[in-house]
Amino acid sequence: EAMFHRMFRLEDIEPGAEHLFYITKRKYTGRPFAVDGV
């Protein structure tokens, strides 16, 4: 887990609080998709 967080630069969505999600920004490399008009 510690290595994965460092490699992918995961960030807490709210520092100091425990939540279900981490996020990071990256370039998308999968198949194209559309959602909510985007």
Full PDB file with SEQRES, HELIX, SHEET, SSBOND, CRYST1, ORIGX, SCALE, CONECT and MASTER records, all heavy atoms in Angstrom:
SEQRES   1 A   38  GLU ALA MET PHE HIS ARG MET PHE ARG LEU GLU ASP ILE          
SEQRES   2 A   38  GLU PRO GLY ALA GLU HIS LEU PHE TYR ILE THR LYS ARG          
SEQRES   3 A   38  LYS TYR THR GLY ARG PRO PHE ALA VAL ASP GLY VAL              
HELIX    1 AA1 ALA A    2  PHE A    8  1                                   7    
SHEET    1 AA1 2 GLU A  11  ASP A  12  0                                        
SHEET    2 AA1 2 TYR A  22  ILE A  23 -1                                        
CRYST1    1.000    1.000    1.000  90.00  90.00  90.00 P 1           1          
ORIGX1      1.000000  0.000000  0.000000        0.00000                         
ORIGX2      0.000000  1.000000  0.000000        0.00000                         
ORIGX3      0.000000  0.000000  1.000000        0.00000                         
SCALE1      1.000000  0.000000  0.000000        0.00000                         
SCALE2      0.000000  1.000000  0.000000        0.00000                         
SCALE3      0.000000  0.000000  1.000000        0.00000                         
ATOM      1  N   GLU A   1       0.825  -1.207   0.000  1.00  0.00           N  
ATOM      2  CA  GLU A   1       0.000   0.000   0.000  1.00  0.00           C  
ATOM      3  C   GLU A   1       0.865   1.265   0.000  1.00  0.00           C  
ATOM      4  O   GLU A   1       0.592   2.215  -0.742  1.00  0.00           O  
ATOM      5  CB  GLU A   1      -0.924   0.007   1.230  1.00  0.00           C  
ATOM      6  CG  GLU A   1      -2.146  -0.852   1.074  1.00  0.00           C  
ATOM      7  CD  GLU A   1      -3.137  -0.283   0.079  1.00  0.00           C  
ATOM      8  OE1 GLU A   1      -3.803   0.708   0.394  1.00  0.00           O  
ATOM      9  OE2 GLU A   1      -3.230  -0.842  -1.036  1.00  0.00           O  
ATOM     10  N   ALA A   2       1.897   1.285   0.821  1.00  0.00           N  
ATOM     11  CA  ALA A   2       2.770   2.455   0.889  1.00  0.00           C  
ATOM     12  C   ALA A   2       3.476   2.682  -0.446  1.00  0.00           C  
ATOM     13  O   ALA A   2       3.576   3.827  -0.926  1.00  0.00           O  
ATOM     14  CB  ALA A   2       3.794   2.273   2.010  1.00  0.00           C  
ATOM     15  N   MET A   3       3.962   1.603  -1.076  1.00  0.00           N  
ATOM     16  CA  MET A   3       4.625   1.726  -2.372  1.00  0.00           C  
ATOM     17  C   MET A   3       3.646   2.202  -3.442  1.00  0.00           C  
ATOM     18  O   MET A   3       3.979   3.058  -4.271  1.00  0.00           O  
ATOM     19  CB  MET A   3       5.227   0.373  -2.779  1.00  0.00           C  
ATOM     20  CG  MET A   3       6.411  -0.064  -1.936  1.00  0.00           C  
ATOM     21  SD  MET A   3       6.964  -1.736  -2.382  1.00  0.00           S  
ATOM     22  CE  MET A   3       7.306  -1.521  -4.139  1.00  0.00           C  
ATOM     23  N   PHE A   4       2.433   1.659  -3.430  1.00  0.00           N  
ATOM     24  CA  PHE A   4       1.424   2.022  -4.423  1.00  0.00           C  
ATOM     25  C   PHE A   4       1.079   3.503  -4.310  1.00  0.00           C  
ATOM     26  O   PHE A   4       0.960   4.202  -5.324  1.00  0.00           O  
ATOM     27  CB  PHE A   4       0.178   1.159  -4.216  1.00  0.00           C  
ATOM     28  CG  PHE A   4      -0.832   1.266  -5.316  1.00  0.00           C  
ATOM     29  CD1 PHE A   4      -0.749   0.434  -6.425  1.00  0.00           C  
ATOM     30  CD2 PHE A   4      -1.867   2.188  -5.253  1.00  0.00           C  
ATOM     31  CE1 PHE A   4      -1.682   0.523  -7.450  1.00  0.00           C  
ATOM     32  CE2 PHE A   4      -2.797   2.288  -6.270  1.00  0.00           C  
ATOM     33  CZ  PHE A   4      -2.706   1.446  -7.371  1.00  0.00           C  
ATOM     34  N   HIS A   5       0.926   3.980  -3.088  1.00  0.00           N  
ATOM     35  CA  HIS A   5       0.595   5.401  -2.881  1.00  0.00           C  
ATOM     36  C   HIS A   5       1.700   6.302  -3.410  1.00  0.00           C  
ATOM     37  O   HIS A   5       1.426   7.348  -4.015  1.00  0.00           O  
ATOM     38  CB  HIS A   5       0.352   5.668  -1.394  1.00  0.00           C  
ATOM     39  CG  HIS A   5      -1.038   5.336  -0.954  1.00  0.00           C  
ATOM     40  ND1 HIS A   5      -1.882   6.242  -0.363  1.00  0.00           N  
ATOM     41  CD2 HIS A   5      -1.734   4.176  -1.046  1.00  0.00           C  
ATOM     42  CE1 HIS A   5      -3.039   5.660  -0.105  1.00  0.00           C  
ATOM     43  NE2 HIS A   5      -2.970   4.412  -0.502  1.00  0.00           N  
ATOM     44  N   ARG A   6       2.939   5.918  -3.188  1.00  0.00           N  
ATOM     45  CA  ARG A   6       4.048   6.738  -3.670  1.00  0.00           C  
ATOM     46  C   ARG A   6       4.161   6.693  -5.190  1.00  0.00           C  
ATOM     47  O   ARG A   6       4.364   7.719  -5.837  1.00  0.00           O  
ATOM     48  CB  ARG A   6       5.360   6.294  -3.023  1.00  0.00           C  
ATOM     49  CG  ARG A   6       5.497   6.724  -1.567  1.00  0.00           C  
ATOM     50  CD  ARG A   6       6.941   6.619  -1.111  1.00  0.00           C  
ATOM     51  NE  ARG A   6       7.405   5.233  -1.128  1.00  0.00           N  
ATOM     52  CZ  ARG A   6       7.307   4.400  -0.093  1.00  0.00           C  
ATOM     53  NH1 ARG A   6       6.741   4.815   1.032  1.00  0.00           N  
ATOM     54  NH2 ARG A   6       7.765   3.163  -0.168  1.00  0.00           N  
ATOM     55  N   MET A   7       4.045   5.496  -5.756  1.00  0.00           N  
ATOM     56  CA  MET A   7       4.189   5.345  -7.202  1.00  0.00           C  
ATOM     57  C   MET A   7       3.136   6.135  -7.966  1.00  0.00           C  
ATOM     58  O   MET A   7       3.428   6.768  -8.977  1.00  0.00           O  
ATOM     59  CB  MET A   7       4.112   3.861  -7.606  1.00  0.00           C  
ATOM     60  CG  MET A   7       5.345   3.053  -7.266  1.00  0.00           C  
ATOM     61  SD  MET A   7       5.287   1.387  -7.999  1.00  0.00           S  
ATOM     62  CE  MET A   7       3.834   0.692  -7.227  1.00  0.00           C  
ATOM     63  N   PHE A   8       1.893   6.110  -7.483  1.00  0.00           N  
ATOM     64  CA  PHE A   8       0.798   6.745  -8.206  1.00  0.00           C  
ATOM     65  C   PHE A   8       0.418   8.109  -7.627  1.00  0.00           C  
ATOM     66  O   PHE A   8      -0.543   8.721  -8.074  1.00  0.00           O  
ATOM     67  CB  PHE A   8      -0.416   5.814  -8.234  1.00  0.00           C  
ATOM     68  CG  PHE A   8      -0.201   4.598  -9.088  1.00  0.00           C  
ATOM     69  CD1 PHE A   8       0.265   3.419  -8.533  1.00  0.00           C  
ATOM     70  CD2 PHE A   8      -0.426   4.642 -10.453  1.00  0.00           C  
ATOM     71  CE1 PHE A   8       0.483   2.294  -9.326  1.00  0.00           C  
ATOM     72  CE2 PHE A   8      -0.215   3.534 -11.250  1.00  0.00           C  
ATOM     73  CZ  PHE A   8       0.251   2.356 -10.683  1.00  0.00           C  
ATOM     74  N   ARG A   9       1.177   8.559  -6.621  1.00  0.00           N  
ATOM     75  CA  ARG A   9       0.990   9.896  -6.050  1.00  0.00           C  
ATOM     76  C   ARG A   9      -0.459  10.136  -5.615  1.00  0.00           C  
ATOM     77  O   ARG A   9      -1.061  11.158  -5.941  1.00  0.00           O  
ATOM     78  CB  ARG A   9       1.435  10.964  -7.048  1.00  0.00           C  
ATOM     79  CG  ARG A   9       2.911  10.845  -7.426  1.00  0.00           C  
ATOM     80  CD  ARG A   9       3.317  11.908  -8.410  1.00  0.00           C  
ATOM     81  NE  ARG A   9       4.726  11.776  -8.777  1.00  0.00           N  
ATOM     82  CZ  ARG A   9       5.343  12.562  -9.663  1.00  0.00           C  
ATOM     83  NH1 ARG A   9       4.678  13.529 -10.265  1.00  0.00           N  
ATOM     84  NH2 ARG A   9       6.621  12.378  -9.939  1.00  0.00           N  
ATOM     85  N   LEU A  10      -0.991   9.179  -4.882  1.00  0.00           N  
ATOM     86  CA  LEU A  10      -2.361   9.304  -4.402  1.00  0.00           C  
ATOM     87  C   LEU A  10      -2.450  10.365  -3.319  1.00  0.00           C  
ATOM     88  O   LEU A  10      -1.550  10.498  -2.488  1.00  0.00           O  
ATOM     89  CB  LEU A  10      -2.860   7.963  -3.856  1.00  0.00           C  
ATOM     90  CG  LEU A  10      -2.810   6.769  -4.812  1.00  0.00           C  
ATOM     91  CD1 LEU A  10      -3.517   5.567  -4.193  1.00  0.00           C  
ATOM     92  CD2 LEU A  10      -3.414   7.104  -6.165  1.00  0.00           C  
ATOM     93  N   GLU A  11      -3.554  11.101  -3.327  1.00  0.00           N  
ATOM     94  CA  GLU A  11      -3.749  12.190  -2.370  1.00  0.00           C  
ATOM     95  C   GLU A  11      -5.032  11.974  -1.584  1.00  0.00           C  
ATOM     96  O   GLU A  11      -6.041  11.495  -2.112  1.00  0.00           O  
ATOM     97  CB  GLU A  11      -3.820  13.532  -3.105  1.00  0.00           C  
ATOM     98  CG  GLU A  11      -2.563  13.870  -3.883  1.00  0.00           C  
ATOM     99  CD  GLU A  11      -2.667  15.219  -4.589  1.00  0.00           C  
ATOM    100  OE1 GLU A  11      -3.720  15.886  -4.443  1.00  0.00           O  
ATOM    101  OE2 GLU A  11      -1.714  15.592  -5.280  1.00  0.00           O  
ATOM    102  N   ASP A  12      -5.001  12.349  -0.303  1.00  0.00           N  
ATOM    103  CA  ASP A  12      -6.217  12.341   0.509  1.00  0.00           C  
ATOM    104  C   ASP A  12      -7.193  13.370  -0.043  1.00  0.00           C  
ATOM    105  O   ASP A  12      -6.784  14.458  -0.460  1.00  0.00           O  
ATOM    106  CB  ASP A  12      -5.896  12.697   1.960  1.00  0.00           C  
ATOM    107  CG  ASP A  12      -5.070  11.635   2.660  1.00  0.00           C  
ATOM    108  OD1 ASP A  12      -5.315  10.445   2.413  1.00  0.00           O  
ATOM    109  OD2 ASP A  12      -4.175  12.011   3.442  1.00  0.00           O  
ATOM    110  N   ILE A  13      -8.479  13.054  -0.018  1.00  0.00           N  
ATOM    111  CA  ILE A  13      -9.453  14.053  -0.449  1.00  0.00           C  
ATOM    112  C   ILE A  13      -9.721  15.076   0.656  1.00  0.00           C  
ATOM    113  O   ILE A  13     -10.214  16.166   0.379  1.00  0.00           O  
ATOM    114  CB  ILE A  13     -10.773  13.404  -0.914  1.00  0.00           C  
ATOM    115  CG1 ILE A  13     -11.398  12.554   0.195  1.00  0.00           C  
ATOM    116  CG2 ILE A  13     -10.531  12.559  -2.159  1.00  0.00           C  
ATOM    117  CD1 ILE A  13     -12.764  11.995  -0.170  1.00  0.00           C  
ATOM    118  N   GLU A  14      -9.372  14.724   1.882  1.00  0.00           N  
ATOM    119  CA  GLU A  14      -9.507  15.661   3.008  1.00  0.00           C  
ATOM    120  C   GLU A  14      -8.413  15.319   4.019  1.00  0.00           C  
ATOM    121  O   GLU A  14      -8.560  14.373   4.794  1.00  0.00           O  
ATOM    122  CB  GLU A  14     -10.890  15.556   3.651  1.00  0.00           C  
ATOM    123  CG  GLU A  14     -11.121  16.593   4.740  1.00  0.00           C  
ATOM    124  CD  GLU A  14     -12.517  16.516   5.316  1.00  0.00           C  
ATOM    125  OE1 GLU A  14     -13.168  15.449   5.217  1.00  0.00           O  
ATOM    126  OE2 GLU A  14     -12.966  17.527   5.868  1.00  0.00           O  
ATOM    127  N   PRO A  15      -7.304  16.049   4.004  1.00  0.00           N  
ATOM    128  CA  PRO A  15      -6.195  15.747   4.915  1.00  0.00           C  
ATOM    129  C   PRO A  15      -6.652  15.679   6.366  1.00  0.00           C  
ATOM    130  O   PRO A  15      -7.423  16.519   6.837  1.00  0.00           O  
ATOM    131  CB  PRO A  15      -5.230  16.918   4.692  1.00  0.00           C  
ATOM    132  CG  PRO A  15      -5.514  17.362   3.290  1.00  0.00           C  
ATOM    133  CD  PRO A  15      -7.010  17.185   3.124  1.00  0.00           C  
ATOM    134  N   GLY A  16      -6.208  14.640   7.058  1.00  0.00           N  
ATOM    135  CA  GLY A  16      -6.542  14.485   8.468  1.00  0.00           C  
ATOM    136  C   GLY A  16      -7.826  13.735   8.733  1.00  0.00           C  
ATOM    137  O   GLY A  16      -8.159  13.468   9.885  1.00  0.00           O  
ATOM    138  N   ALA A  17      -8.555  13.381   7.669  1.00  0.00           N  
ATOM    139  CA  ALA A  17      -9.814  12.642   7.835  1.00  0.00           C  
ATOM    140  C   ALA A  17      -9.736  11.345   7.039  1.00  0.00           C  
ATOM    141  O   ALA A  17      -9.026  11.254   6.044  1.00  0.00           O  
ATOM    142  CB  ALA A  17     -10.998  13.479   7.366  1.00  0.00           C  
ATOM    143  N   GLU A  18     -10.471  10.334   7.485  1.00  0.00           N  
ATOM    144  CA  GLU A  18     -10.475   9.044   6.811  1.00  0.00           C  
ATOM    145  C   GLU A  18     -11.670   8.949   5.882  1.00  0.00           C  
ATOM    146  O   GLU A  18     -12.817   9.097   6.308  1.00  0.00           O  
ATOM    147  CB  GLU A  18     -10.527   7.910   7.836  1.00  0.00           C  
ATOM    148  CG  GLU A  18     -10.362   6.528   7.226  1.00  0.00           C  
ATOM    149  CD  GLU A  18     -10.336   5.427   8.265  1.00  0.00           C  
ATOM    150  OE1 GLU A  18     -11.270   5.376   9.090  1.00  0.00           O  
ATOM    151  OE2 GLU A  18      -9.377   4.634   8.262  1.00  0.00           O  
ATOM    152  N   HIS A  19     -11.406   8.722   4.613  1.00  0.00           N  
ATOM    153  CA  HIS A  19     -12.469   8.579   3.621  1.00  0.00           C  
ATOM    154  C   HIS A  19     -12.208   7.354   2.758  1.00  0.00           C  
ATOM    155  O   HIS A  19     -11.112   6.783   2.768  1.00  0.00           O  
ATOM    156  CB  HIS A  19     -12.554   9.830   2.742  1.00  0.00           C  
ATOM    157  CG  HIS A  19     -13.093  11.028   3.458  1.00  0.00           C  
ATOM    158  ND1 HIS A  19     -14.408  11.146   3.842  1.00  0.00           N  
ATOM    159  CD2 HIS A  19     -12.476  12.180   3.862  1.00  0.00           C  
ATOM    160  CE1 HIS A  19     -14.593  12.312   4.453  1.00  0.00           C  
ATOM    161  NE2 HIS A  19     -13.437  12.944   4.475  1.00  0.00           N  
ATOM    162  N   LEU A  20     -13.213   6.985   1.963  1.00  0.00           N  
ATOM    163  CA  LEU A  20     -13.110   5.792   1.136  1.00  0.00           C  
ATOM    164  C   LEU A  20     -12.269   6.009  -0.111  1.00  0.00           C  
ATOM    165  O   LEU A  20     -11.812   5.055  -0.722  1.00  0.00           O  
ATOM    166  CB  LEU A  20     -14.511   5.305   0.732  1.00  0.00           C  
ATOM    167  CG  LEU A  20     -14.593   3.955   0.007  1.00  0.00           C  
ATOM    168  CD1 LEU A  20     -14.033   2.829   0.867  1.00  0.00           C  
ATOM    169  CD2 LEU A  20     -16.029   3.649  -0.402  1.00  0.00           C  
ATOM    170  N   PHE A  21     -12.049   7.271  -0.492  1.00  0.00           N  
ATOM    171  CA  PHE A  21     -11.379   7.549  -1.756  1.00  0.00           C  
ATOM    172  C   PHE A  21     -10.037   8.255  -1.587  1.00  0.00           C  
ATOM    173  O   PHE A  21      -9.872   9.085  -0.684  1.00  0.00           O  
ATOM    174  CB  PHE A  21     -12.254   8.439  -2.647  1.00  0.00           C  
ATOM    175  CG  PHE A  21     -13.652   7.953  -2.828  1.00  0.00           C  
ATOM    176  CD1 PHE A  21     -14.734   8.720  -2.405  1.00  0.00           C  
ATOM    177  CD2 PHE A  21     -13.915   6.722  -3.419  1.00  0.00           C  
ATOM    178  CE1 PHE A  21     -16.032   8.282  -2.568  1.00  0.00           C  
ATOM    179  CE2 PHE A  21     -15.206   6.274  -3.585  1.00  0.00           C  
ATOM    180  CZ  PHE A  21     -16.273   7.054  -3.167  1.00  0.00           C  
ATOM    181  N   TYR A  22      -9.130   7.920  -2.486  1.00  0.00           N  
ATOM    182  CA  TYR A  22      -7.945   8.730  -2.772  1.00  0.00           C  
ATOM    183  C   TYR A  22      -8.051   9.152  -4.227  1.00  0.00           C  
ATOM    184  O   TYR A  22      -8.715   8.482  -5.031  1.00  0.00           O  
ATOM    185  CB  TYR A  22      -6.653   7.921  -2.585  1.00  0.00           C  
ATOM    186  CG  TYR A  22      -6.380   7.485  -1.172  1.00  0.00           C  
ATOM    187  CD1 TYR A  22      -6.537   6.152  -0.800  1.00  0.00           C  
ATOM    188  CD2 TYR A  22      -5.946   8.394  -0.212  1.00  0.00           C  
ATOM    189  CE1 TYR A  22      -6.275   5.737   0.494  1.00  0.00           C  
ATOM    190  CE2 TYR A  22      -5.677   7.986   1.085  1.00  0.00           C  
ATOM    191  CZ  TYR A  22      -5.851   6.657   1.432  1.00  0.00           C  
ATOM    192  OH  TYR A  22      -5.589   6.258   2.710  1.00  0.00           O  
ATOM    193  N   ILE A  23      -7.406  10.247  -4.593  1.00  0.00           N  
ATOM    194  CA  ILE A  23      -7.451  10.686  -5.978  1.00  0.00           C  
ATOM    195  C   ILE A  23      -6.064  11.098  -6.464  1.00  0.00           C  
ATOM    196  O   ILE A  23      -5.169  11.400  -5.671  1.00  0.00           O  
ATOM    197  CB  ILE A  23      -8.427  11.873  -6.185  1.00  0.00           C  
ATOM    198  CG1 ILE A  23      -8.070  13.057  -5.271  1.00  0.00           C  
ATOM    199  CG2 ILE A  23      -9.864  11.430  -5.974  1.00  0.00           C  
ATOM    200  CD1 ILE A  23      -8.925  14.292  -5.506  1.00  0.00           C  
ATOM    201  N   THR A  24      -5.913  11.107  -7.772  1.00  0.00           N  
ATOM    202  CA  THR A  24      -4.708  11.613  -8.411  1.00  0.00           C  
ATOM    203  C   THR A  24      -5.077  12.042  -9.819  1.00  0.00           C  
ATOM    204  O   THR A  24      -6.069  11.553 -10.379  1.00  0.00           O  
ATOM    205  CB  THR A  24      -3.597  10.549  -8.438  1.00  0.00           C  
ATOM    206  OG1 THR A  24      -2.391  11.131  -8.915  1.00  0.00           O  
ATOM    207  CG2 THR A  24      -3.961   9.382  -9.339  1.00  0.00           C  
ATOM    208  N   LYS A  25      -4.319  12.956 -10.391  1.00  0.00           N  
ATOM    209  CA  LYS A  25      -4.572  13.386 -11.769  1.00  0.00           C  
ATOM    210  C   LYS A  25      -3.567  12.718 -12.690  1.00  0.00           C  
ATOM    211  O   LYS A  25      -2.382  12.656 -12.362  1.00  0.00           O  
ATOM    212  CB  LYS A  25      -4.469  14.910 -11.896  1.00  0.00           C  
ATOM    213  CG  LYS A  25      -4.964  15.408 -13.256  1.00  0.00           C  
ATOM    214  CD  LYS A  25      -5.017  16.927 -13.322  1.00  0.00           C  
ATOM    215  CE  LYS A  25      -3.647  17.501 -13.628  1.00  0.00           C  
ATOM    216  NZ  LYS A  25      -3.706  18.944 -13.954  1.00  0.00           N  
ATOM    217  N   ARG A  26      -4.062  12.231 -13.834  1.00  0.00           N  
ATOM    218  CA  ARG A  26      -3.166  11.596 -14.791  1.00  0.00           C  
ATOM    219  C   ARG A  26      -3.756  11.700 -16.192  1.00  0.00           C  
ATOM    220  O   ARG A  26      -4.893  12.146 -16.366  1.00  0.00           O  
ATOM    221  CB  ARG A  26      -2.905  10.149 -14.418  1.00  0.00           C  
ATOM    222  CG  ARG A  26      -4.116   9.242 -14.485  1.00  0.00           C  
ATOM    223  CD  ARG A  26      -3.740   7.796 -14.176  1.00  0.00           C  
ATOM    224  NE  ARG A  26      -3.168   7.651 -12.849  1.00  0.00           N  
ATOM    225  CZ  ARG A  26      -1.870   7.502 -12.620  1.00  0.00           C  
ATOM    226  NH1 ARG A  26      -1.004   7.488 -13.605  1.00  0.00           N  
ATOM    227  NH2 ARG A  26      -1.422   7.361 -11.387  1.00  0.00           N  
ATOM    228  N   LYS A  27      -2.998  11.270 -17.174  1.00  0.00           N  
ATOM    229  CA  LYS A  27      -3.470  11.198 -18.547  1.00  0.00           C  
ATOM    230  C   LYS A  27      -4.223   9.878 -18.732  1.00  0.00           C  
ATOM    231  O   LYS A  27      -3.714   8.805 -18.374  1.00  0.00           O  
ATOM    232  CB  LYS A  27      -2.306  11.269 -19.535  1.00  0.00           C  
ATOM    233  CG  LYS A  27      -1.484  12.550 -19.445  1.00  0.00           C  
ATOM    234  CD  LYS A  27      -2.250  13.751 -19.946  1.00  0.00           C  
ATOM    235  CE  LYS A  27      -1.350  14.983 -19.991  1.00  0.00           C  
ATOM    236  NZ  LYS A  27      -2.073  16.189 -20.437  1.00  0.00           N  
ATOM    237  N   TYR A  28      -5.387   9.955 -19.313  1.00  0.00           N  
ATOM    238  CA  TYR A  28      -6.200   8.763 -19.518  1.00  0.00           C  
ATOM    239  C   TYR A  28      -5.634   7.936 -20.672  1.00  0.00           C  
ATOM    240  O   TYR A  28      -5.308   8.479 -21.727  1.00  0.00           O  
ATOM    241  CB  TYR A  28      -7.645   9.159 -19.817  1.00  0.00           C  
ATOM    242  CG  TYR A  28      -8.574   7.994 -20.014  1.00  0.00           C  
ATOM    243  CD1 TYR A  28      -8.892   7.148 -18.958  1.00  0.00           C  
ATOM    244  CD2 TYR A  28      -9.132   7.736 -21.265  1.00  0.00           C  
ATOM    245  CE1 TYR A  28      -9.746   6.073 -19.129  1.00  0.00           C  
ATOM    246  CE2 TYR A  28      -9.988   6.665 -21.445  1.00  0.00           C  
ATOM    247  CZ  TYR A  28     -10.294   5.834 -20.379  1.00  0.00           C  
ATOM    248  OH  TYR A  28     -11.130   4.764 -20.551  1.00  0.00           O  
ATOM    249  N   THR A  29      -5.527   6.630 -20.492  1.00  0.00           N  
ATOM    250  CA  THR A  29      -4.946   5.769 -21.524  1.00  0.00           C  
ATOM    251  C   THR A  29      -5.872   4.626 -21.946  1.00  0.00           C  
ATOM    252  O   THR A  29      -5.458   3.746 -22.700  1.00  0.00           O  
ATOM    253  CB  THR A  29      -3.609   5.168 -21.046  1.00  0.00           C  
ATOM    254  OG1 THR A  29      -3.834   4.434 -19.827  1.00  0.00           O  
ATOM    255  CG2 THR A  29      -2.575   6.255 -20.799  1.00  0.00           C  
ATOM    256  N   GLY A  30      -7.108   4.637 -21.464  1.00  0.00           N  
ATOM    257  CA  GLY A  30      -8.034   3.561 -21.813  1.00  0.00           C  
ATOM    258  C   GLY A  30      -8.853   3.874 -23.056  1.00  0.00           C  
ATOM    259  O   GLY A  30      -8.533   4.779 -23.834  1.00  0.00           O  
ATOM    260  N   ARG A  31      -9.928   3.091 -23.217  1.00  0.00           N  
ATOM    261  CA  ARG A  31     -10.824   3.306 -24.346  1.00  0.00           C  
ATOM    262  C   ARG A  31     -11.628   4.590 -24.131  1.00  0.00           C  
ATOM    263  O   ARG A  31     -12.025   4.895 -23.000  1.00  0.00           O  
ATOM    264  CB  ARG A  31     -11.779   2.128 -24.508  1.00  0.00           C  
ATOM    265  CG  ARG A  31     -11.108   0.845 -24.958  1.00  0.00           C  
ATOM    266  CD  ARG A  31     -12.135  -0.195 -25.363  1.00  0.00           C  
ATOM    267  NE  ARG A  31     -13.016  -0.562 -24.263  1.00  0.00           N  
ATOM    268  CZ  ARG A  31     -13.994  -1.460 -24.360  1.00  0.00           C  
ATOM    269  NH1 ARG A  31     -14.212  -2.059 -25.515  1.00  0.00           N  
ATOM    270  NH2 ARG A  31     -14.732  -1.755 -23.320  1.00  0.00           N  
ATOM    271  N   PRO A  32     -11.918   5.359 -25.195  1.00  0.00           N  
ATOM    272  CA  PRO A  32     -12.718   6.579 -25.047  1.00  0.00           C  
ATOM    273  C   PRO A  32     -14.084   6.269 -24.448  1.00  0.00           C  
ATOM    274  O   PRO A  32     -14.648   5.182 -24.663  1.00  0.00           O  
ATOM    275  CB  PRO A  32     -12.847   7.092 -26.488  1.00  0.00           C  
ATOM    276  CG  PRO A  32     -11.666   6.519 -27.204  1.00  0.00           C  
ATOM    277  CD  PRO A  32     -11.453   5.161 -26.589  1.00  0.00           C  
ATOM    278  N   PHE A  33     -14.622   7.204 -23.679  1.00  0.00           N  
ATOM    279  CA  PHE A  33     -15.968   7.052 -23.142  1.00  0.00           C  
ATOM    280  C   PHE A  33     -16.604   8.433 -23.020  1.00  0.00           C  
ATOM    281  O   PHE A  33     -15.929   9.462 -23.095  1.00  0.00           O  
ATOM    282  CB  PHE A  33     -15.956   6.338 -21.790  1.00  0.00           C  
ATOM    283  CG  PHE A  33     -15.309   7.110 -20.669  1.00  0.00           C  
ATOM    284  CD1 PHE A  33     -16.033   8.028 -19.910  1.00  0.00           C  
ATOM    285  CD2 PHE A  33     -13.962   6.907 -20.353  1.00  0.00           C  
ATOM    286  CE1 PHE A  33     -15.439   8.726 -18.860  1.00  0.00           C  
ATOM    287  CE2 PHE A  33     -13.364   7.600 -19.316  1.00  0.00           C  
ATOM    288  CZ  PHE A  33     -14.101   8.514 -18.568  1.00  0.00           C  
ATOM    289  N   ALA A  34     -17.910   8.436 -22.855  1.00  0.00           N  
ATOM    290  CA  ALA A  34     -18.649   9.680 -22.654  1.00  0.00           C  
ATOM    291  C   ALA A  34     -19.532   9.518 -21.425  1.00  0.00           C  
ATOM    292  O   ALA A  34     -20.134   8.455 -21.214  1.00  0.00           O  
ATOM    293  CB  ALA A  34     -19.490  10.018 -23.875  1.00  0.00           C  
ATOM    294  N   VAL A  35     -19.592  10.563 -20.604  1.00  0.00           N  
ATOM    295  CA  VAL A  35     -20.426  10.523 -19.408  1.00  0.00           C  
ATOM    296  C   VAL A  35     -20.930  11.929 -19.117  1.00  0.00           C  
ATOM    297  O   VAL A  35     -20.169  12.902 -19.178  1.00  0.00           O  
ATOM    298  CB  VAL A  35     -19.637   9.962 -18.196  1.00  0.00           C  
ATOM    299  CG1 VAL A  35     -18.392  10.789 -17.892  1.00  0.00           C  
ATOM    300  CG2 VAL A  35     -20.520   9.848 -16.966  1.00  0.00           C  
ATOM    301  N   ASP A  36     -22.227  12.052 -18.849  1.00  0.00           N  
ATOM    302  CA  ASP A  36     -22.836  13.350 -18.508  1.00  0.00           C  
ATOM    303  C   ASP A  36     -22.533  14.411 -19.565  1.00  0.00           C  
ATOM    304  O   ASP A  36     -22.337  15.589 -19.252  1.00  0.00           O  
ATOM    305  CB  ASP A  36     -22.340  13.840 -17.142  1.00  0.00           C  
ATOM    306  CG  ASP A  36     -22.595  12.837 -16.027  1.00  0.00           C  
ATOM    307  OD1 ASP A  36     -23.622  12.146 -16.081  1.00  0.00           O  
ATOM    308  OD2 ASP A  36     -21.750  12.725 -15.113  1.00  0.00           O  
ATOM    309  N   GLY A  37     -22.463  14.007 -20.827  1.00  0.00           N  
ATOM    310  CA  GLY A  37     -22.190  14.958 -21.892  1.00  0.00           C  
ATOM    311  C   GLY A  37     -20.729  15.313 -22.070  1.00  0.00           C  
ATOM    312  O   GLY A  37     -20.387  16.161 -22.907  1.00  0.00           O  
ATOM    313  N   VAL A  38     -19.847  14.691 -21.303  1.00  0.00           N  
ATOM    314  CA  VAL A  38     -18.407  14.941 -21.403  1.00  0.00           C  
ATOM    315  C   VAL A  38     -17.749  13.757 -22.106  1.00  0.00           C  
ATOM    316  O   VAL A  38     -17.941  12.601 -21.701  1.00  0.00           O  
ATOM    317  CB  VAL A  38     -17.780  15.138 -20.008  1.00  0.00           C  
ATOM    318  CG1 VAL A  38     -16.259  15.240 -20.100  1.00  0.00           C  
ATOM    319  CG2 VAL A  38     -18.366  16.370 -19.340  1.00  0.00           C  
TER     320      VAL A  38                                                      
MASTER        0    0    0    1    2    0    0    6  319    1    0    3          
END                                                                             
